[in-house]
Amino acid sequence: MIYRLRLILDTKEDVLRDIEIQSINSFEDLHYAIISAFGFEGNEMASFYLSDSEWNQGEEITFESFGQQKVMKDNILETIIDENQKNFIYVYDFLNLWTFFVEFIETSEENKSTNYPETIFSVGKMPDKAPERLFIENKNDEFEEEGFEEEDPYQFY
């Protein structure tokens, strides 16, 4: 079975890719498909995070083993993606925080002449650098992420 996934860069401009990948592939395979689809060199760490329909960040799936977390190479897509788990957040390069929303769109039958994973749809050009993030402290002494307003890229809080 083939999964069609939509990958959306967290930026004001429309930058997205749709890929098809086999359901028996691992999250590590998906990681490499994302790197290829967006033109990254692939030399930075990355993680997936389980997410709900509101894009709240949940459990982490790491590239390397750091203890109790799930690891990409050990987790097959079809064992995690289901009716209740269709959204993920993917973060590439923890210094620059390239952040993507990954959404399961649909399944289809495998085409034997296709080499999966495959980028099947592309919109937008990747920016030269990751969209800037600003973290502010909320009333509970926790940090929240906020983006800069497009009209004033030098705005500070």
N, C-alpha and C. Protein backbone atom coordinates (compact mmCIF):
# COMPACT_ATOMS: atom_id res chain seq x y z
N MET A 1 0.83 -1.17 0.00
CA MET A 1 0.00 0.00 0.00
C MET A 1 0.89 1.25 0.00
N ILE A 2 0.40 2.29 -0.63
CA ILE A 2 1.13 3.56 -0.74
C ILE A 2 0.43 4.62 0.08
N TYR A 3 1.22 5.39 0.81
CA TYR A 3 0.70 6.54 1.54
C TYR A 3 1.05 7.80 0.77
N ARG A 4 0.08 8.67 0.60
CA ARG A 4 0.34 9.99 0.05
C ARG A 4 0.36 10.96 1.23
N LEU A 5 1.45 11.70 1.35
CA LEU A 5 1.63 12.64 2.44
C LEU A 5 1.88 14.04 1.89
N ARG A 6 1.32 15.03 2.56
CA ARG A 6 1.57 16.43 2.19
C ARG A 6 2.52 17.02 3.23
N LEU A 7 3.59 17.65 2.75
CA LEU A 7 4.61 18.26 3.59
C LEU A 7 4.55 19.76 3.38
N ILE A 8 4.28 20.52 4.44
CA ILE A 8 4.10 21.96 4.34
C ILE A 8 5.14 22.65 5.22
N LEU A 9 5.97 23.50 4.62
CA LEU A 9 6.94 24.28 5.38
C LEU A 9 6.18 25.33 6.19
N ASP A 10 6.53 25.48 7.46
CA ASP A 10 5.90 26.45 8.34
C ASP A 10 6.43 27.85 8.03
N THR A 11 5.84 28.47 7.01
CA THR A 11 6.22 29.80 6.58
C THR A 11 4.99 30.47 5.97
N LYS A 12 5.05 31.80 5.83
CA LYS A 12 3.90 32.53 5.26
C LYS A 12 3.72 32.21 3.78
N GLU A 13 4.81 31.97 3.06
CA GLU A 13 4.73 31.62 1.64
C GLU A 13 4.30 30.17 1.51
N ASP A 14 3.63 29.85 0.42
CA ASP A 14 3.25 28.47 0.16
C ASP A 14 4.45 27.68 -0.34
N VAL A 15 4.92 26.76 0.49
CA VAL A 15 6.00 25.85 0.11
C VAL A 15 5.56 24.47 0.59
N LEU A 16 5.21 23.62 -0.38
CA LEU A 16 4.75 22.29 -0.01
C LEU A 16 5.15 21.26 -1.06
N ARG A 17 5.16 20.02 -0.61
CA ARG A 17 5.43 18.89 -1.48
C ARG A 17 4.49 17.77 -1.09
N ASP A 18 4.00 17.04 -2.08
CA ASP A 18 3.27 15.80 -1.83
C ASP A 18 4.19 14.66 -2.24
N ILE A 19 4.30 13.69 -1.36
CA ILE A 19 5.12 12.53 -1.70
C ILE A 19 4.29 11.27 -1.53
N GLU A 20 4.69 10.24 -2.25
CA GLU A 20 4.13 8.92 -2.08
C GLU A 20 5.24 8.02 -1.57
N ILE A 21 4.91 7.22 -0.58
CA ILE A 21 5.88 6.34 0.06
C ILE A 21 5.17 5.05 0.46
N GLN A 22 5.88 3.96 0.45
CA GLN A 22 5.29 2.68 0.80
C GLN A 22 4.98 2.65 2.30
N SER A 23 3.85 2.07 2.64
CA SER A 23 3.43 1.98 4.04
C SER A 23 4.39 1.15 4.88
N ILE A 24 5.17 0.29 4.24
CA ILE A 24 6.13 -0.56 4.96
C ILE A 24 7.48 0.12 5.15
N ASN A 25 7.62 1.35 4.66
CA ASN A 25 8.85 2.10 4.89
C ASN A 25 8.89 2.62 6.32
N SER A 26 10.09 2.95 6.77
CA SER A 26 10.28 3.46 8.13
C SER A 26 10.20 4.99 8.14
N PHE A 27 10.14 5.55 9.32
CA PHE A 27 10.20 7.01 9.45
C PHE A 27 11.57 7.52 9.00
N GLU A 28 12.60 6.71 9.09
CA GLU A 28 13.90 7.10 8.56
C GLU A 28 13.82 7.25 7.04
N ASP A 29 13.13 6.34 6.36
CA ASP A 29 12.93 6.45 4.92
C ASP A 29 12.16 7.73 4.58
N LEU A 30 11.15 8.05 5.39
CA LEU A 30 10.39 9.28 5.19
C LEU A 30 11.28 10.50 5.40
N HIS A 31 12.12 10.45 6.40
CA HIS A 31 13.09 11.53 6.66
C HIS A 31 13.95 11.79 5.42
N TYR A 32 14.50 10.74 4.83
CA TYR A 32 15.33 10.91 3.63
C TYR A 32 14.51 11.40 2.43
N ALA A 33 13.25 10.98 2.35
CA ALA A 33 12.38 11.46 1.27
C ALA A 33 12.13 12.96 1.42
N ILE A 34 11.96 13.43 2.64
CA ILE A 34 11.74 14.86 2.88
C ILE A 34 13.00 15.65 2.53
N ILE A 35 14.15 15.15 2.94
CA ILE A 35 15.42 15.80 2.60
C ILE A 35 15.55 15.95 1.10
N SER A 36 15.24 14.89 0.37
CA SER A 36 15.32 14.91 -1.08
C SER A 36 14.31 15.87 -1.69
N ALA A 37 13.07 15.83 -1.20
CA ALA A 37 11.99 16.65 -1.76
C ALA A 37 12.24 18.15 -1.58
N PHE A 38 12.93 18.52 -0.51
CA PHE A 38 13.15 19.94 -0.24
C PHE A 38 14.59 20.39 -0.50
N GLY A 39 15.45 19.49 -0.95
CA GLY A 39 16.80 19.87 -1.35
C GLY A 39 17.78 20.12 -0.22
N PHE A 40 17.58 19.47 0.91
CA PHE A 40 18.54 19.60 2.01
C PHE A 40 19.74 18.70 1.76
N GLU A 41 20.86 19.04 2.38
CA GLU A 41 22.06 18.22 2.24
C GLU A 41 21.97 16.93 3.03
N GLY A 42 21.21 16.93 4.10
CA GLY A 42 21.02 15.71 4.87
C GLY A 42 22.04 15.49 5.97
N ASN A 43 22.77 16.52 6.34
CA ASN A 43 23.81 16.36 7.36
C ASN A 43 23.42 16.93 8.72
N GLU A 44 22.14 17.18 8.95
CA GLU A 44 21.66 17.73 10.21
C GLU A 44 20.71 16.74 10.89
N MET A 45 20.60 16.86 12.19
CA MET A 45 19.69 16.02 12.96
C MET A 45 18.24 16.44 12.68
N ALA A 46 17.34 15.52 12.92
CA ALA A 46 15.92 15.78 12.68
C ALA A 46 15.08 14.89 13.59
N SER A 47 13.84 15.30 13.79
CA SER A 47 12.88 14.50 14.56
C SER A 47 11.48 14.69 13.99
N PHE A 48 10.69 13.65 14.16
CA PHE A 48 9.26 13.73 13.93
C PHE A 48 8.59 13.83 15.29
N TYR A 49 7.44 14.48 15.33
CA TYR A 49 6.63 14.54 16.54
C TYR A 49 5.21 14.16 16.16
N LEU A 50 4.63 13.24 16.91
CA LEU A 50 3.22 12.93 16.71
C LEU A 50 2.44 14.21 16.96
N SER A 51 1.36 14.41 16.23
CA SER A 51 0.58 15.62 16.36
C SER A 51 -0.90 15.31 16.18
N ASP A 52 -1.73 16.19 16.70
CA ASP A 52 -3.17 16.04 16.52
C ASP A 52 -3.65 16.99 15.43
N SER A 53 -4.95 17.09 15.26
CA SER A 53 -5.50 17.92 14.19
C SER A 53 -5.28 19.41 14.42
N GLU A 54 -4.94 19.80 15.63
CA GLU A 54 -4.63 21.20 15.96
C GLU A 54 -3.13 21.48 15.89
N TRP A 55 -2.35 20.49 15.47
CA TRP A 55 -0.90 20.58 15.33
C TRP A 55 -0.18 20.78 16.67
N ASN A 56 -0.72 20.19 17.73
CA ASN A 56 -0.04 20.19 19.02
C ASN A 56 1.05 19.13 18.98
N GLN A 57 2.23 19.49 19.45
CA GLN A 57 3.38 18.60 19.40
C GLN A 57 3.27 17.53 20.48
N GLY A 58 3.43 16.27 20.06
CA GLY A 58 3.36 15.14 20.98
C GLY A 58 4.67 14.39 21.05
N GLU A 59 4.57 13.08 21.19
CA GLU A 59 5.72 12.20 21.36
C GLU A 59 6.72 12.32 20.20
N GLU A 60 8.00 12.28 20.53
CA GLU A 60 9.08 12.45 19.56
C GLU A 60 9.52 11.11 18.98
N ILE A 61 9.85 11.13 17.69
CA ILE A 61 10.50 10.00 17.02
C ILE A 61 11.83 10.55 16.52
N THR A 62 12.93 10.12 17.12
CA THR A 62 14.25 10.70 16.85
C THR A 62 15.00 9.95 15.76
N PHE A 63 16.00 10.63 15.21
CA PHE A 63 16.86 9.99 14.22
C PHE A 63 17.82 9.02 14.91
N GLU A 64 18.40 9.45 16.01
CA GLU A 64 19.32 8.63 16.80
C GLU A 64 18.66 8.25 18.12
N SER A 65 19.12 7.18 18.72
CA SER A 65 18.59 6.75 20.01
C SER A 65 19.18 7.60 21.12
N PHE A 66 18.28 8.21 21.92
CA PHE A 66 18.70 9.02 23.06
C PHE A 66 18.02 8.56 24.33
N GLY A 67 17.76 7.30 24.43
CA GLY A 67 17.11 6.78 25.63
C GLY A 67 15.79 6.13 25.33
N GLN A 68 14.73 6.68 25.88
CA GLN A 68 13.41 6.06 25.81
C GLN A 68 12.59 6.44 24.58
N GLN A 69 13.05 7.42 23.78
CA GLN A 69 12.27 7.84 22.62
C GLN A 69 12.23 6.77 21.54
N LYS A 70 11.21 6.90 20.70
CA LYS A 70 11.14 6.06 19.52
C LYS A 70 12.21 6.52 18.54
N VAL A 71 12.72 5.59 17.74
CA VAL A 71 13.76 5.88 16.77
C VAL A 71 13.20 5.66 15.37
N MET A 72 13.54 6.57 14.44
CA MET A 72 12.99 6.54 13.09
C MET A 72 13.16 5.19 12.41
N LYS A 73 14.37 4.64 12.43
CA LYS A 73 14.63 3.41 11.68
C LYS A 73 13.87 2.21 12.22
N ASP A 74 13.43 2.28 13.48
CA ASP A 74 12.73 1.16 14.10
C ASP A 74 11.21 1.28 14.03
N ASN A 75 10.71 2.35 13.45
CA ASN A 75 9.26 2.57 13.42
C ASN A 75 8.76 2.65 11.99
N ILE A 76 7.93 1.68 11.63
CA ILE A 76 7.37 1.56 10.30
C ILE A 76 6.13 2.45 10.21
N LEU A 77 5.97 3.11 9.08
CA LEU A 77 4.87 4.05 8.91
C LEU A 77 3.52 3.43 9.25
N GLU A 78 3.23 2.23 8.71
CA GLU A 78 1.91 1.63 8.89
C GLU A 78 1.64 1.21 10.33
N THR A 79 2.66 1.16 11.17
CA THR A 79 2.43 0.82 12.58
C THR A 79 2.05 2.05 13.41
N ILE A 80 2.22 3.24 12.83
CA ILE A 80 1.90 4.47 13.57
C ILE A 80 0.80 5.27 12.89
N ILE A 81 0.85 5.35 11.56
CA ILE A 81 -0.19 6.10 10.84
C ILE A 81 -1.46 5.27 10.79
N ASP A 82 -2.54 5.86 11.30
CA ASP A 82 -3.84 5.21 11.26
C ASP A 82 -4.93 6.27 11.32
N GLU A 83 -6.16 5.84 11.51
CA GLU A 83 -7.30 6.76 11.51
C GLU A 83 -7.17 7.84 12.59
N ASN A 84 -6.52 7.51 13.70
CA ASN A 84 -6.36 8.46 14.81
C ASN A 84 -5.05 9.24 14.76
N GLN A 85 -4.09 8.79 13.98
CA GLN A 85 -2.79 9.45 13.92
C GLN A 85 -2.44 9.76 12.47
N LYS A 86 -2.82 10.98 12.02
CA LYS A 86 -2.61 11.37 10.63
C LYS A 86 -1.68 12.56 10.48
N ASN A 87 -1.34 13.23 11.57
CA ASN A 87 -0.53 14.44 11.50
C ASN A 87 0.76 14.29 12.29
N PHE A 88 1.82 14.89 11.73
CA PHE A 88 3.13 14.87 12.36
C PHE A 88 3.78 16.24 12.15
N ILE A 89 4.66 16.57 13.04
CA ILE A 89 5.52 17.74 12.86
C ILE A 89 6.91 17.19 12.62
N TYR A 90 7.59 17.71 11.62
CA TYR A 90 8.95 17.30 11.29
C TYR A 90 9.86 18.50 11.45
N VAL A 91 10.91 18.36 12.26
CA VAL A 91 11.88 19.44 12.46
C VAL A 91 13.23 18.96 11.97
N TYR A 92 13.80 19.72 11.05
CA TYR A 92 15.11 19.42 10.48
C TYR A 92 16.08 20.52 10.89
N ASP A 93 17.25 20.15 11.39
CA ASP A 93 18.31 21.09 11.77
C ASP A 93 17.87 21.88 13.00
N PHE A 94 18.25 21.39 14.16
CA PHE A 94 17.80 21.97 15.43
C PHE A 94 18.39 23.34 15.71
N LEU A 95 19.37 23.77 14.96
CA LEU A 95 19.88 25.14 15.12
C LEU A 95 19.03 26.13 14.33
N ASN A 96 18.54 25.72 13.18
CA ASN A 96 17.75 26.61 12.32
C ASN A 96 16.25 26.34 12.37
N LEU A 97 15.87 25.18 12.88
CA LEU A 97 14.47 24.80 13.07
C LEU A 97 13.60 24.90 11.82
N TRP A 98 14.04 24.22 10.76
CA TRP A 98 13.16 24.07 9.60
C TRP A 98 12.01 23.20 10.09
N THR A 99 10.80 23.73 10.08
CA THR A 99 9.65 23.04 10.65
C THR A 99 8.61 22.78 9.57
N PHE A 100 8.15 21.54 9.51
CA PHE A 100 7.19 21.10 8.49
C PHE A 100 6.00 20.44 9.16
N PHE A 101 4.84 20.67 8.59
CA PHE A 101 3.64 19.94 8.97
C PHE A 101 3.50 18.79 7.97
N VAL A 102 3.37 17.58 8.48
CA VAL A 102 3.25 16.39 7.65
C VAL A 102 1.85 15.84 7.87
N GLU A 103 1.09 15.73 6.78
CA GLU A 103 -0.30 15.30 6.88
C GLU A 103 -0.55 14.11 5.96
N PHE A 104 -1.08 13.06 6.53
CA PHE A 104 -1.50 11.90 5.75
C PHE A 104 -2.72 12.31 4.94
N ILE A 105 -2.68 12.09 3.62
CA ILE A 105 -3.79 12.47 2.76
C ILE A 105 -4.65 11.27 2.40
N GLU A 106 -4.01 10.21 1.87
CA GLU A 106 -4.78 9.04 1.44
C GLU A 106 -3.85 7.88 1.15
N THR A 107 -4.48 6.72 0.94
CA THR A 107 -3.74 5.54 0.51
C THR A 107 -4.08 5.27 -0.95
N SER A 108 -3.20 4.53 -1.59
CA SER A 108 -3.46 4.09 -2.95
C SER A 108 -2.73 2.77 -3.16
N GLU A 109 -3.02 2.14 -4.28
CA GLU A 109 -2.35 0.89 -4.62
C GLU A 109 -0.98 1.21 -5.21
N GLU A 110 -0.04 0.33 -4.98
CA GLU A 110 1.32 0.50 -5.48
C GLU A 110 1.35 0.31 -7.00
N ASN A 111 2.08 1.19 -7.65
CA ASN A 111 2.34 1.07 -9.08
C ASN A 111 3.71 0.40 -9.21
N LYS A 112 3.76 -0.79 -9.75
CA LYS A 112 5.00 -1.58 -9.81
C LYS A 112 6.10 -0.89 -10.61
N SER A 113 5.75 0.03 -11.50
CA SER A 113 6.78 0.71 -12.30
C SER A 113 7.31 1.99 -11.63
N THR A 114 6.81 2.33 -10.43
CA THR A 114 7.24 3.53 -9.73
C THR A 114 8.29 3.18 -8.70
N ASN A 115 9.32 4.02 -8.61
CA ASN A 115 10.36 3.87 -7.60
C ASN A 115 10.01 4.77 -6.42
N TYR A 116 9.54 4.18 -5.32
CA TYR A 116 9.11 4.93 -4.14
C TYR A 116 10.28 5.11 -3.18
N PRO A 117 10.29 6.16 -2.38
CA PRO A 117 9.35 7.28 -2.34
C PRO A 117 9.53 8.21 -3.53
N GLU A 118 8.46 8.93 -3.85
CA GLU A 118 8.46 9.79 -5.02
C GLU A 118 7.73 11.09 -4.69
N THR A 119 8.34 12.22 -5.09
CA THR A 119 7.66 13.51 -4.98
C THR A 119 6.74 13.63 -6.17
N ILE A 120 5.44 13.80 -5.91
CA ILE A 120 4.47 13.82 -7.01
C ILE A 120 3.87 15.21 -7.25
N PHE A 121 4.12 16.14 -6.32
CA PHE A 121 3.56 17.48 -6.47
C PHE A 121 4.45 18.45 -5.70
N SER A 122 4.68 19.62 -6.29
CA SER A 122 5.57 20.61 -5.68
C SER A 122 5.04 22.01 -5.91
N VAL A 123 4.97 22.81 -4.84
CA VAL A 123 4.56 24.21 -4.93
C VAL A 123 5.53 25.03 -4.11
N GLY A 124 6.00 26.12 -4.67
CA GLY A 124 6.84 27.06 -3.93
C GLY A 124 8.31 26.72 -3.94
N LYS A 125 9.09 27.77 -3.75
CA LYS A 125 10.55 27.66 -3.72
C LYS A 125 11.01 27.74 -2.27
N MET A 126 11.95 26.89 -1.93
CA MET A 126 12.50 26.91 -0.58
C MET A 126 13.23 28.22 -0.34
N PRO A 127 13.00 28.86 0.80
CA PRO A 127 13.77 30.05 1.13
C PRO A 127 15.23 29.68 1.38
N ASP A 128 16.11 30.68 1.28
CA ASP A 128 17.53 30.44 1.49
C ASP A 128 17.85 30.08 2.93
N LYS A 129 17.04 30.58 3.86
CA LYS A 129 17.26 30.24 5.27
C LYS A 129 15.92 29.93 5.92
N ALA A 130 15.97 29.24 7.02
CA ALA A 130 14.75 28.83 7.72
C ALA A 130 13.99 30.06 8.19
N PRO A 131 12.66 29.98 8.17
CA PRO A 131 11.86 31.09 8.71
C PRO A 131 12.26 31.34 10.16
N GLU A 132 12.36 32.63 10.53
CA GLU A 132 12.78 32.98 11.88
C GLU A 132 11.71 32.63 12.89
N ARG A 133 12.14 32.26 14.06
CA ARG A 133 11.26 31.94 15.17
C ARG A 133 11.64 32.84 16.34
N LEU A 134 10.65 33.23 17.11
CA LEU A 134 10.87 34.01 18.31
C LEU A 134 10.18 33.29 19.44
N PHE A 135 10.90 33.07 20.53
CA PHE A 135 10.34 32.40 21.68
C PHE A 135 10.14 33.43 22.77
N ILE A 136 8.91 33.49 23.29
CA ILE A 136 8.61 34.43 24.36
C ILE A 136 8.15 33.66 25.59
N GLU A 137 8.39 34.21 26.76
CA GLU A 137 7.99 33.55 27.99
C GLU A 137 6.54 33.88 28.29
N ASN A 138 5.73 32.86 28.57
CA ASN A 138 4.34 33.12 28.91
C ASN A 138 4.18 33.22 30.41
N LYS A 139 2.96 33.45 30.89
CA LYS A 139 2.70 33.68 32.30
C LYS A 139 3.02 32.46 33.17
N ASN A 140 3.15 31.30 32.59
CA ASN A 140 3.46 30.08 33.34
C ASN A 140 4.94 29.76 33.32
N ASP A 141 5.78 30.74 32.98
CA ASP A 141 7.24 30.58 32.89
C ASP A 141 7.65 29.49 31.91
N GLU A 142 6.83 29.31 30.86
CA GLU A 142 7.16 28.39 29.79
C GLU A 142 7.40 29.22 28.54
N PHE A 143 8.12 28.67 27.59
CA PHE A 143 8.41 29.40 26.38
C PHE A 143 7.47 28.97 25.27
N GLU A 144 6.96 29.96 24.54
CA GLU A 144 6.10 29.72 23.40
C GLU A 144 6.77 30.27 22.17
N GLU A 145 6.46 29.67 21.04
CA GLU A 145 7.03 30.11 19.77
C GLU A 145 6.08 31.08 19.10
N GLU A 146 6.66 32.19 18.59
CA GLU A 146 5.88 33.14 17.80
C GLU A 146 6.71 33.52 16.60
N GLY A 147 6.05 33.68 15.47
CA GLY A 147 6.74 34.13 14.26
C GLY A 147 6.75 35.64 14.17
N PHE A 148 7.61 36.17 13.37
CA PHE A 148 7.65 37.60 13.12
C PHE A 148 6.51 37.98 12.19
N GLU A 149 5.98 39.16 12.37
CA GLU A 149 4.96 39.68 11.47
C GLU A 149 5.62 40.03 10.14
N GLU A 150 4.94 39.73 9.05
CA GLU A 150 5.51 39.96 7.73
C GLU A 150 5.81 41.43 7.49
N GLU A 151 4.96 42.34 8.03
CA GLU A 151 5.14 43.76 7.77
C GLU A 151 6.41 44.31 8.45
N ASP A 152 6.83 43.72 9.56
CA ASP A 152 7.97 44.24 10.32
C ASP A 152 8.88 43.09 10.74
N PRO A 153 9.81 42.70 9.87
CA PRO A 153 10.66 41.55 10.19
C PRO A 153 11.64 41.84 11.34
N TYR A 154 11.73 43.09 11.79
CA TYR A 154 12.66 43.45 12.87
C TYR A 154 11.91 43.72 14.17
N GLN A 155 10.69 43.26 14.25
CA GLN A 155 9.88 43.49 15.44
C GLN A 155 10.45 42.65 16.59
N PHE A 156 10.48 43.24 17.77
CA PHE A 156 10.96 42.54 18.97
C PHE A 156 9.92 42.66 20.06
N TYR A 157 9.92 41.69 20.98
CA TYR A 157 8.96 41.70 22.07
C TYR A 157 9.70 41.96 23.36
